[in-house]
C-alpha atoms as a PDB file:
ATOM      1  CA  UNK A   1       0.149   0.174  -0.282  1.00  0.00           C
ATOM      2  CA  UNK A   2       1.298   3.492  -0.914  1.00  0.00           C
ATOM      3  CA  UNK A   3       2.436   5.906   2.248  1.00  0.00           C
ATOM      4  CA  UNK A   4       0.557   9.029   2.514  1.00  0.00           C
ATOM      5  CA  UNK A   5       3.334  10.945   2.291  1.00  0.00           C
ATOM      6  CA  UNK A   6       3.418   9.906  -1.527  1.00  0.00           C
ATOM      7  CA  UNK A   7       0.178  11.229  -2.313  1.00  0.00           C
ATOM      8  CA  UNK A   8      -0.251  14.422  -4.257  1.00  0.00           C
ATOM      9  CA  UNK A   9      -2.153  16.062  -1.575  1.00  0.00           C
ATOM     10  CA  UNK A  10      -0.246  19.029  -0.224  1.00  0.00           C
ATOM     11  CA  UNK A  11       2.002  19.224  -3.030  1.00  0.00           C
ATOM     12  CA  UNK A  12       2.264  21.343  -6.454  1.00  0.00           C
ATOM     13  CA  UNK A  13       0.673  18.833  -9.031  1.00  0.00           C
ATOM     14  CA  UNK A  14       0.576  19.374 -12.541  1.00  0.00           C
ATOM     15  CA  UNK A  15      -3.214  19.185 -13.765  1.00  0.00           C
ATOM     16  CA  UNK A  16      -3.445  16.204 -16.148  1.00  0.00           C
ATOM     17  CA  UNK A  17      -4.104  16.935 -19.769  1.00  0.00           C
ATOM     18  CA  UNK A  18      -5.182  13.650 -21.037  1.00  0.00           C
ATOM     19  CA  UNK A  19      -7.058  10.432 -19.366  1.00  0.00           C
ATOM     20  CA  UNK A  20      -4.885   9.548 -16.243  1.00  0.00           C
ATOM     21  CA  UNK A  21      -6.445   6.740 -14.120  1.00  0.00           C
ATOM     22  CA  UNK A  22      -2.885   6.319 -12.614  1.00  0.00           C
ATOM     23  CA  UNK A  23      -3.417   9.370 -10.523  1.00  0.00           C
ATOM     24  CA  UNK A  24      -5.722   7.499  -8.669  1.00  0.00           C
ATOM     25  CA  UNK A  25      -4.103   7.304  -4.981  1.00  0.00           C
ATOM     26  CA  UNK A  26      -5.401   4.482  -2.441  1.00  0.00           C
ATOM     27  CA  UNK A  27      -5.207   4.737   1.282  1.00  0.00           C
ATOM     28  CA  UNK A  28      -5.841   1.820   3.543  1.00  0.00           C
ATOM     29  CA  UNK A  29      -8.521   1.859   6.016  1.00  0.00           C
ATOM     30  CA  UNK A  30      -6.861  -0.518   8.267  1.00  0.00           C
ATOM     31  CA  UNK A  31      -4.354   1.520  10.131  1.00  0.00           C
ATOM     32  CA  UNK A  32      -6.892   4.241  11.239  1.00  0.00           C
ATOM     33  CA  UNK A  33      -9.364   1.274  12.372  1.00  0.00           C
ATOM     34  CA  UNK A  34      -6.361  -0.355  14.223  1.00  0.00           C
ATOM     35  CA  UNK A  35      -6.125   2.956  16.426  1.00  0.00           C
ATOM     36  CA  UNK A  36      -9.676   2.816  17.218  1.00  0.00           C
ATOM     37  CA  UNK A  37      -9.464  -0.739  18.422  1.00  0.00           C
ATOM     38  CA  UNK A  38     -10.986  -2.298  15.113  1.00  0.00           C
ATOM     39  CA  UNK A  39      -9.306  -5.334  13.612  1.00  0.00           C
ATOM     40  CA  UNK A  40      -9.485  -6.205   9.825  1.00  0.00           C
ATOM     41  CA  UNK A  41     -12.757  -7.677   8.752  1.00  0.00           C
ATOM     42  CA  UNK A  42     -14.269  -7.040  12.248  1.00  0.00           C
ATOM     43  CA  UNK A  43     -16.059  -3.522  11.411  1.00  0.00           C
ATOM     44  CA  UNK A  44     -18.606  -2.706  14.344  1.00  0.00           C
ATOM     45  CA  UNK A  45     -20.506  -0.874  11.338  1.00  0.00           C
ATOM     46  CA  UNK A  46     -21.302  -0.830   7.994  1.00  0.00           C
ATOM     47  CA  UNK A  47     -22.374   2.326   5.686  1.00  0.00           C
ATOM     48  CA  UNK A  48     -20.878   4.164   2.878  1.00  0.00           C
ATOM     49  CA  UNK A  49     -18.968   7.358   1.896  1.00  0.00           C
ATOM     50  CA  UNK A  50     -21.059   9.569  -0.561  1.00  0.00           C
ATOM     51  CA  UNK A  51     -18.869  11.612  -2.762  1.00  0.00           C
ATOM     52  CA  UNK A  52     -20.569  14.545  -4.808  1.00  0.00           C
ATOM     53  CA  UNK A  53     -18.585  16.083  -7.692  1.00  0.00           C
ATOM     54  CA  UNK A  54     -19.925  19.440  -8.946  1.00  0.00           C
ATOM     55  CA  UNK A  55     -17.146  20.012 -11.814  1.00  0.00           C
ATOM     56  CA  UNK A  56     -17.214  16.748 -14.066  1.00  0.00           C
ATOM     57  CA  UNK A  57     -16.972  17.638 -17.598  1.00  0.00           C
ATOM     58  CA  UNK A  58     -16.015  15.362 -20.439  1.00  0.00           C
ATOM     59  CA  UNK A  59     -16.601  15.384 -24.441  1.00  0.00           C
ATOM     60  CA  UNK A  60     -18.818  13.652 -26.554  1.00  0.00           C
ATOM     61  CA  UNK A  61     -17.899  11.631 -29.580  1.00  0.00           C
ATOM     62  CA  UNK A  62     -18.106  14.977 -31.696  1.00  0.00           C
ATOM     63  CA  UNK A  63     -15.822  16.691 -29.072  1.00  0.00           C
ATOM     64  CA  UNK A  64     -18.276  18.810 -27.713  1.00  0.00           C
ATOM     65  CA  UNK A  65     -18.043  19.338 -23.982  1.00  0.00           C
ATOM     66  CA  UNK A  66     -20.329  17.913 -21.384  1.00  0.00           C
ATOM     67  CA  UNK A  67     -21.051  18.628 -17.950  1.00  0.00           C
ATOM     68  CA  UNK A  68     -22.707  17.023 -15.048  1.00  0.00           C
ATOM     69  CA  UNK A  69     -22.862  16.377 -11.139  1.00  0.00           C
ATOM     70  CA  UNK A  70     -21.670  12.924 -10.244  1.00  0.00           C
ATOM     71  CA  UNK A  71     -22.448  10.838  -7.284  1.00  0.00           C
ATOM     72  CA  UNK A  72     -19.975   8.048  -6.014  1.00  0.00           C
ATOM     73  CA  UNK A  73     -20.817   5.757  -3.519  1.00  0.00           C
ATOM     74  CA  UNK A  74     -18.098   3.992  -1.883  1.00  0.00           C
ATOM     75  CA  UNK A  75     -18.720   1.087   0.306  1.00  0.00           C
ATOM     76  CA  UNK A  76     -17.368   1.617   4.070  1.00  0.00           C
ATOM     77  CA  UNK A  77     -16.174  -2.167   3.719  1.00  0.00           C
ATOM     78  CA  UNK A  78     -14.206  -1.537   0.702  1.00  0.00           C
ATOM     79  CA  UNK A  79     -10.177  -1.880   1.763  1.00  0.00           C
ATOM     80  CA  UNK A  80      -9.014   1.835   0.882  1.00  0.00           C
ATOM     81  CA  UNK A  81     -10.612   5.230   0.460  1.00  0.00           C
ATOM     82  CA  UNK A  82      -9.200   7.248  -2.288  1.00  0.00           C
ATOM     83  CA  UNK A  83      -7.259  10.345  -1.557  1.00  0.00           C
ATOM     84  CA  UNK A  84      -9.396  13.412  -2.343  1.00  0.00           C
ATOM     85  CA  UNK A  85      -6.682  15.188  -4.382  1.00  0.00           C
ATOM     86  CA  UNK A  86      -5.854  12.392  -6.395  1.00  0.00           C
ATOM     87  CA  UNK A  87      -9.670  11.834  -6.887  1.00  0.00           C
ATOM     88  CA  UNK A  88      -9.979  15.521  -8.062  1.00  0.00           C
ATOM     89  CA  UNK A  89      -7.009  15.414 -10.591  1.00  0.00           C
ATOM     90  CA  UNK A  90      -8.550  12.003 -12.172  1.00  0.00           C
ATOM     91  CA  UNK A  91     -11.600  13.809 -12.826  1.00  0.00           C
ATOM     92  CA  UNK A  92      -9.878  16.780 -14.469  1.00  0.00           C
ATOM     93  CA  UNK A  93      -7.943  14.150 -16.662  1.00  0.00           C
ATOM     94  CA  UNK A  94     -11.199  13.114 -18.535  1.00  0.00           C
ATOM     95  CA  UNK A  95     -12.210  16.753 -19.401  1.00  0.00           C
ATOM     96  CA  UNK A  96     -10.570  16.535 -22.945  1.00  0.00           C
ATOM     97  CA  UNK A  97     -11.527  12.792 -23.047  1.00  0.00           C
ATOM     98  CA  UNK A  98     -14.176  11.664 -25.617  1.00  0.00           C
ATOM     99  CA  UNK A  99     -16.740   9.007 -24.787  1.00  0.00           C
ATOM    100  CA  UNK A 100     -19.132   7.558 -27.170  1.00  0.00           C
ATOM    101  CA  UNK A 101     -21.923   8.187 -24.303  1.00  0.00           C
ATOM    102  CA  UNK A 102     -22.567   8.845 -20.770  1.00  0.00           C
ATOM    103  CA  UNK A 103     -22.983   5.297 -20.004  1.00  0.00           C
ATOM    104  CA  UNK A 104     -19.168   4.608 -21.546  1.00  0.00           C
ATOM    105  CA  UNK A 105     -18.076   7.332 -18.967  1.00  0.00           C
ATOM    106  CA  UNK A 106     -20.165   5.630 -16.109  1.00  0.00           C
ATOM    107  CA  UNK A 107     -18.438   2.151 -17.014  1.00  0.00           C
ATOM    108  CA  UNK A 108     -14.871   4.025 -17.288  1.00  0.00           C
ATOM    109  CA  UNK A 109     -15.591   5.645 -13.986  1.00  0.00           C
ATOM    110  CA  UNK A 110     -16.813   2.575 -12.013  1.00  0.00           C
ATOM    111  CA  UNK A 111     -14.175   0.509 -13.431  1.00  0.00           C
ATOM    112  CA  UNK A 112     -11.177   2.900 -12.398  1.00  0.00           C
ATOM    113  CA  UNK A 113     -12.563   3.989  -9.116  1.00  0.00           C
ATOM    114  CA  UNK A 114     -13.371   0.294  -7.863  1.00  0.00           C
ATOM    115  CA  UNK A 115     -10.111  -1.055  -8.795  1.00  0.00           C
ATOM    116  CA  UNK A 116      -8.241   1.360  -6.526  1.00  0.00           C
ATOM    117  CA  UNK A 117     -10.821   1.198  -3.675  1.00  0.00           C
ATOM    118  CA  UNK A 118     -10.690  -2.437  -3.761  1.00  0.00           C
ATOM    119  CA  UNK A 119     -14.644  -2.552  -3.993  1.00  0.00           C
ATOM    120  CA  UNK A 120     -17.405  -1.716  -6.400  1.00  0.00           C
ATOM    121  CA  UNK A 121     -17.845   2.022  -6.157  1.00  0.00           C
ATOM    122  CA  UNK A 122     -21.528   3.054  -7.860  1.00  0.00           C
ATOM    123  CA  UNK A 123     -21.647   6.296  -9.957  1.00  0.00           C
ATOM    124  CA  UNK A 124     -24.405   8.360 -10.887  1.00  0.00           C
ATOM    125  CA  UNK A 125     -24.404  11.319 -13.161  1.00  0.00           C
ATOM    126  CA  UNK A 126     -27.216  13.936 -12.746  1.00  0.00           C
ATOM    127  CA  UNK A 127     -28.028  17.102 -14.766  1.00  0.00           C
ATOM    128  CA  UNK A 128     -27.660  20.452 -12.874  1.00  0.00           C
ATOM    129  CA  UNK A 129     -31.231  21.264 -13.042  1.00  0.00           C
ATOM    130  CA  UNK A 130     -32.195  18.083 -11.862  1.00  0.00           C
ATOM    131  CA  UNK A 131     -30.216  18.732  -8.896  1.00  0.00           C
ATOM    132  CA  UNK A 132     -31.488  22.261  -8.538  1.00  0.00           C
ATOM    133  CA  UNK A 133     -35.005  20.940  -8.529  1.00  0.00           C
ATOM    134  CA  UNK A 134     -34.248  18.639  -5.829  1.00  0.00           C
ATOM    135  CA  UNK A 135     -33.626  21.602  -3.716  1.00  0.00           C
ATOM    136  CA  UNK A 136     -32.098  21.790  -0.304  1.00  0.00           C
ATOM    137  CA  UNK A 137     -32.435  20.944   3.413  1.00  0.00           C
ATOM    138  CA  UNK A 138     -31.040  20.849   6.697  1.00  0.00           C
ATOM    139  CA  UNK A 139     -30.191  17.344   8.617  1.00  0.00           C
ATOM    140  CA  UNK A 140     -33.501  16.650  10.633  1.00  0.00           C
ATOM    141  CA  UNK A 141     -33.079  16.122  14.568  1.00  0.00           C
ATOM    142  CA  UNK A 142     -32.856  17.848  17.750  1.00  0.00           C
ATOM    143  CA  UNK A 143     -30.380  20.792  17.794  1.00  0.00           C
ATOM    144  CA  UNK A 144     -27.445  20.582  19.894  1.00  0.00           C
ATOM    145  CA  UNK A 145     -26.105  23.576  18.951  1.00  0.00           C
ATOM    146  CA  UNK A 146     -29.061  25.377  21.107  1.00  0.00           C
ATOM    147  CA  UNK A 147     -27.164  24.830  24.159  1.00  0.00           C
ATOM    148  CA  UNK A 148     -25.330  27.748  25.885  1.00  0.00           C
ATOM    149  CA  UNK A 149     -22.288  26.071  27.203  1.00  0.00           C
ATOM    150  CA  UNK A 150     -18.718  27.072  27.903  1.00  0.00           C
ATOM    151  CA  UNK A 151     -15.825  25.694  25.548  1.00  0.00           C
ATOM    152  CA  UNK A 152     -12.164  24.945  26.684  1.00  0.00           C
ATOM    153  CA  UNK A 153     -10.524  25.611  23.274  1.00  0.00           C
ATOM    154  CA  UNK A 154      -7.471  23.007  24.185  1.00  0.00           C
ATOM    155  CA  UNK A 155      -9.783  20.178  24.674  1.00  0.00           C
ATOM    156  CA  UNK A 156      -9.326  17.249  22.501  1.00  0.00           C
ATOM    157  CA  UNK A 157     -12.241  14.509  21.467  1.00  0.00           C
ATOM    158  CA  UNK A 158     -11.843  12.650  24.125  1.00  0.00           C
ATOM    159  CA  UNK A 159     -14.607   9.720  24.743  1.00  0.00           C
ATOM    160  CA  UNK A 160     -14.205  10.810  28.477  1.00  0.00           C
ATOM    161  CA  UNK A 161     -16.542  13.928  27.413  1.00  0.00           C
ATOM    162  CA  UNK A 162     -19.135  11.605  26.712  1.00  0.00           C
ATOM    163  CA  UNK A 163     -21.681   9.957  29.205  1.00  0.00           C
ATOM    164  CA  UNK A 164     -25.360   8.617  29.144  1.00  0.00           C
ATOM    165  CA  UNK A 165     -27.872   7.976  32.008  1.00  0.00           C
ATOM    166  CA  UNK A 166     -28.249   3.997  32.348  1.00  0.00           C
ATOM    167  CA  UNK A 167     -30.623   4.483  35.305  1.00  0.00           C
ATOM    168  CA  UNK A 168     -33.455   5.574  33.102  1.00  0.00           C
ATOM    169  CA  UNK A 169     -35.484   3.827  30.326  1.00  0.00           C
ATOM    170  CA  UNK A 170     -33.649   3.798  26.687  1.00  0.00           C
ATOM    171  CA  UNK A 171     -34.717   6.849  24.362  1.00  0.00           C
ATOM    172  CA  UNK A 172     -34.894   6.683  20.729  1.00  0.00           C
ATOM    173  CA  UNK A 173     -33.379  10.162  19.786  1.00  0.00           C
ATOM    174  CA  UNK A 174     -31.961  12.060  16.587  1.00  0.00           C
ATOM    175  CA  UNK A 175     -29.262  14.677  17.565  1.00  0.00           C
ATOM    176  CA  UNK A 176     -27.793  17.244  15.230  1.00  0.00           C
ATOM    177  CA  UNK A 177     -24.746  19.833  15.185  1.00  0.00           C
ATOM    178  CA  UNK A 178     -23.409  22.109  12.603  1.00  0.00           C
ATOM    179  CA  UNK A 179     -20.496  22.743  14.660  1.00  0.00           C
ATOM    180  CA  UNK A 180     -18.026  20.122  13.474  1.00  0.00           C
ATOM    181  CA  UNK A 181     -14.802  21.588  12.286  1.00  0.00           C
ATOM    182  CA  UNK A 182     -11.917  19.028  11.546  1.00  0.00           C
ATOM    183  CA  UNK A 183      -8.595  19.414  10.081  1.00  0.00           C
ATOM    184  CA  UNK A 184      -6.822  17.762   6.969  1.00  0.00           C
ATOM    185  CA  UNK A 185      -3.831  15.349   8.164  1.00  0.00           C
ATOM    186  CA  UNK A 186      -1.526  16.440   5.582  1.00  0.00           C
ATOM    187  CA  UNK A 187      -2.526  20.265   4.639  1.00  0.00           C
ATOM    188  CA  UNK A 188      -3.753  21.354   8.127  1.00  0.00           C
ATOM    189  CA  UNK A 189      -6.987  23.218   6.239  1.00  0.00           C
ATOM    190  CA  UNK A 190     -10.262  23.176   7.934  1.00  0.00           C
ATOM    191  CA  UNK A 191     -12.996  20.671   6.787  1.00  0.00           C
ATOM    192  CA  UNK A 192     -16.706  21.960   7.988  1.00  0.00           C
ATOM    193  CA  UNK A 193     -19.253  19.387   8.516  1.00  0.00           C
ATOM    194  CA  UNK A 194     -23.050  19.134   9.961  1.00  0.00           C
ATOM    195  CA  UNK A 195     -23.323  15.946  11.794  1.00  0.00           C
ATOM    196  CA  UNK A 196     -26.531  14.009  12.600  1.00  0.00           C
ATOM    197  CA  UNK A 197     -26.459  11.146  15.381  1.00  0.00           C
ATOM    198  CA  UNK A 198     -29.582   8.335  15.478  1.00  0.00           C
ATOM    199  CA  UNK A 199     -29.484   6.137  18.402  1.00  0.00           C
ATOM    200  CA  UNK A 200     -31.729   4.110  20.756  1.00  0.00           C
ATOM    201  CA  UNK A 201     -30.372   3.498  23.943  1.00  0.00           C
ATOM    202  CA  UNK A 202     -29.589   5.342  27.471  1.00  0.00           C
ATOM    203  CA  UNK A 203     -30.187   9.075  27.010  1.00  0.00           C
ATOM    204  CA  UNK A 204     -26.592  10.751  25.866  1.00  0.00           C
ATOM    205  CA  UNK A 205     -25.704  13.764  27.791  1.00  0.00           C
ATOM    206  CA  UNK A 206     -26.304  16.438  25.262  1.00  0.00           C
ATOM    207  CA  UNK A 207     -23.769  19.198  26.581  1.00  0.00           C
ATOM    208  CA  UNK A 208     -21.287  16.391  26.948  1.00  0.00           C
ATOM    209  CA  UNK A 209     -21.608  15.259  23.484  1.00  0.00           C
ATOM    210  CA  UNK A 210     -21.577  18.605  22.043  1.00  0.00           C
ATOM    211  CA  UNK A 211     -18.346  19.367  23.720  1.00  0.00           C
ATOM    212  CA  UNK A 212     -17.034  16.138  22.363  1.00  0.00           C
ATOM    213  CA  UNK A 213     -17.724  17.043  18.660  1.00  0.00           C
ATOM    214  CA  UNK A 214     -16.426  20.719  19.157  1.00  0.00           C
ATOM    215  CA  UNK A 215     -13.327  19.441  20.406  1.00  0.00           C
ATOM    216  CA  UNK A 216     -12.602  18.177  16.922  1.00  0.00           C
ATOM    217  CA  UNK A 217     -11.775  21.559  15.605  1.00  0.00           C
ATOM    218  CA  UNK A 218      -7.768  20.683  15.981  1.00  0.00           C
ATOM    219  CA  UNK A 219      -8.170  17.240  15.151  1.00  0.00           C
ATOM    220  CA  UNK A 220      -6.516  16.023  12.199  1.00  0.00           C
ATOM    221  CA  UNK A 221      -8.137  13.321  10.327  1.00  0.00           C
ATOM    222  CA  UNK A 222      -9.798  12.644   7.094  1.00  0.00           C
ATOM    223  CA  UNK A 223     -13.584  12.831   6.856  1.00  0.00           C
ATOM    224  CA  UNK A 224     -14.184   9.011   6.971  1.00  0.00           C
ATOM    225  CA  UNK A 225     -11.964   8.694   9.994  1.00  0.00           C
ATOM    226  CA  UNK A 226     -13.404  11.238  11.905  1.00  0.00           C
ATOM    227  CA  UNK A 227     -16.940   9.965  11.444  1.00  0.00           C
ATOM    228  CA  UNK A 228     -15.594   6.257  12.329  1.00  0.00           C
ATOM    229  CA  UNK A 229     -13.921   7.858  15.770  1.00  0.00           C
ATOM    230  CA  UNK A 230     -17.214   9.274  16.583  1.00  0.00           C
ATOM    231  CA  UNK A 231     -19.075   6.234  16.095  1.00  0.00           C
ATOM    232  CA  UNK A 232     -16.533   4.022  17.850  1.00  0.00           C
ATOM    233  CA  UNK A 233     -16.342   6.429  20.778  1.00  0.00           C
ATOM    234  CA  UNK A 234     -20.046   6.968  21.600  1.00  0.00           C
ATOM    235  CA  UNK A 235     -20.806   3.183  21.067  1.00  0.00           C
ATOM    236  CA  UNK A 236     -18.097   2.454  23.618  1.00  0.00           C
ATOM    237  CA  UNK A 237     -19.202   4.974  26.189  1.00  0.00           C
ATOM    238  CA  UNK A 238     -22.924   5.409  25.706  1.00  0.00           C
ATOM    239  CA  UNK A 239     -23.347   1.724  24.721  1.00  0.00           C
ATOM    240  CA  UNK A 240     -26.613   2.529  22.559  1.00  0.00           C
ATOM    241  CA  UNK A 241     -28.218  -0.611  21.122  1.00  0.00           C
ATOM    242  CA  UNK A 242     -28.442   1.010  17.808  1.00  0.00           C
ATOM    243  CA  UNK A 243     -26.313   3.890  16.604  1.00  0.00           C
ATOM    244  CA  UNK A 244     -25.822   5.935  13.258  1.00  0.00           C
ATOM    245  CA  UNK A 245     -23.510   8.661  12.569  1.00  0.00           C
ATOM    246  CA  UNK A 246     -23.706  10.642   9.318  1.00  0.00           C
ATOM    247  CA  UNK A 247     -21.643  13.832   8.225  1.00  0.00           C
ATOM    248  CA  UNK A 248     -22.459  16.295   5.583  1.00  0.00           C
ATOM    249  CA  UNK A 249     -19.041  18.058   4.972  1.00  0.00           C
ATOM    250  CA  UNK A 250     -18.618  21.279   2.880  1.00  0.00           C
ATOM    251  CA  UNK A 251     -17.257  20.851  -0.606  1.00  0.00           C
ATOM    252  CA  UNK A 252     -13.347  21.483  -1.462  1.00  0.00           C
ATOM    253  CA  UNK A 253     -12.207  21.464  -4.669  1.00  0.00           C
ATOM    254  CA  UNK A 254     -15.337  21.042  -6.272  1.00  0.00           C
ATOM    255  CA  UNK A 255     -16.089  17.735  -3.845  1.00  0.00           C
ATOM    256  CA  UNK A 256     -17.831  16.908  -1.141  1.00  0.00           C
ATOM    257  CA  UNK A 257     -17.312  13.824   1.043  1.00  0.00           C
ATOM    258  CA  UNK A 258     -20.231  12.372   3.422  1.00  0.00           C
ATOM    259  CA  UNK A 259     -19.456   9.434   5.533  1.00  0.00           C
ATOM    260  CA  UNK A 260     -22.512   7.103   6.938  1.00  0.00           C
ATOM    261  CA  UNK A 261     -21.845   4.605   9.346  1.00  0.00           C
ATOM    262  CA  UNK A 262     -24.497   2.491  11.389  1.00  0.00           C
ATOM    263  CA  UNK A 263     -24.966  -0.814  13.072  1.00  0.00           C
ATOM    264  CA  UNK A 264     -28.517  -1.474  11.922  1.00  0.00           C
ATOM    265  CA  UNK A 265     -30.956  -1.026   9.365  1.00  0.00           C
ATOM    266  CA  UNK A 266     -31.035   2.630   9.521  1.00  0.00           C
ATOM    267  CA  UNK A 267     -33.006   4.876   6.788  1.00  0.00           C
ATOM    268  CA  UNK A 268     -30.023   5.304   4.115  1.00  0.00           C
ATOM    269  CA  UNK A 269     -29.012   8.985   3.579  1.00  0.00           C
ATOM    270  CA  UNK A 270     -30.907  10.507   0.672  1.00  0.00           C
ATOM    271  CA  UNK A 271     -27.960  12.936  -0.307  1.00  0.00           C
ATOM    272  CA  UNK A 272     -29.747  16.030  -0.330  1.00  0.00           C
ATOM    273  CA  UNK A 273     -27.361  18.985  -0.403  1.00  0.00           C
ATOM    274  CA  UNK A 274     -27.988  21.346   2.789  1.00  0.00           C
ATOM    275  CA  UNK A 275     -27.454  25.043   2.712  1.00  0.00           C
ATOM    276  CA  UNK A 276     -23.265  25.154   3.189  1.00  0.00           C
ATOM    277  CA  UNK A 277     -23.072  22.767   0.316  1.00  0.00           C
END
């Protein structure tokens, strides 16, 4: 497996002027999961990473540029994630490449991305007007941001901040915050997200949960890794019988990444954009 320091992220990179699937850079999921106590092939969750690419363009058989918005679904059990800058460079590399049809483009994208992820990546291309007609909406749930709490800016996202009331009957809750900020582990650039947490189990202390999520402000991890840490820490400390964690990150470089992790048959995210995307 390639080492992260070999990735194009954080380096000057020439924009490919011809179709270049070789620029796609895999990152193994295993090291981060091992740091969370997750053994290979023993994930306590399943789910997907939903990628939306807003700057997709290619040429038709007559050389005329085409545009669309692409949605890519990467299964959470894929061996690798794909480094986001390399994904962007790859998509740029098809800007001047001709395809006989949109179906041929989808087949090419599916084949190339699946080979690097190590599992089947599904691809959908949507016309911009269809995305506009679908509109926007915010994540539903009880808003944690309403809480008037004092924050220690030096606090880290430690599971000790989390707690639940085990003395009362279990609850079924959906909690939301728009205050998650994490940072790219290579460039240090901030990544902004809204997070939705659905659970059944002992009632989670809301103030502690909000402090925990805000504490990611200086945490350096990829989007997928942050969501998996949130899932594992809540599961271990608060012990819900059912849990799902979904994050809608804002786009960078024309791409947004939206990880979803669950341990039950939760409703699948509908990938509707929110106002900051």
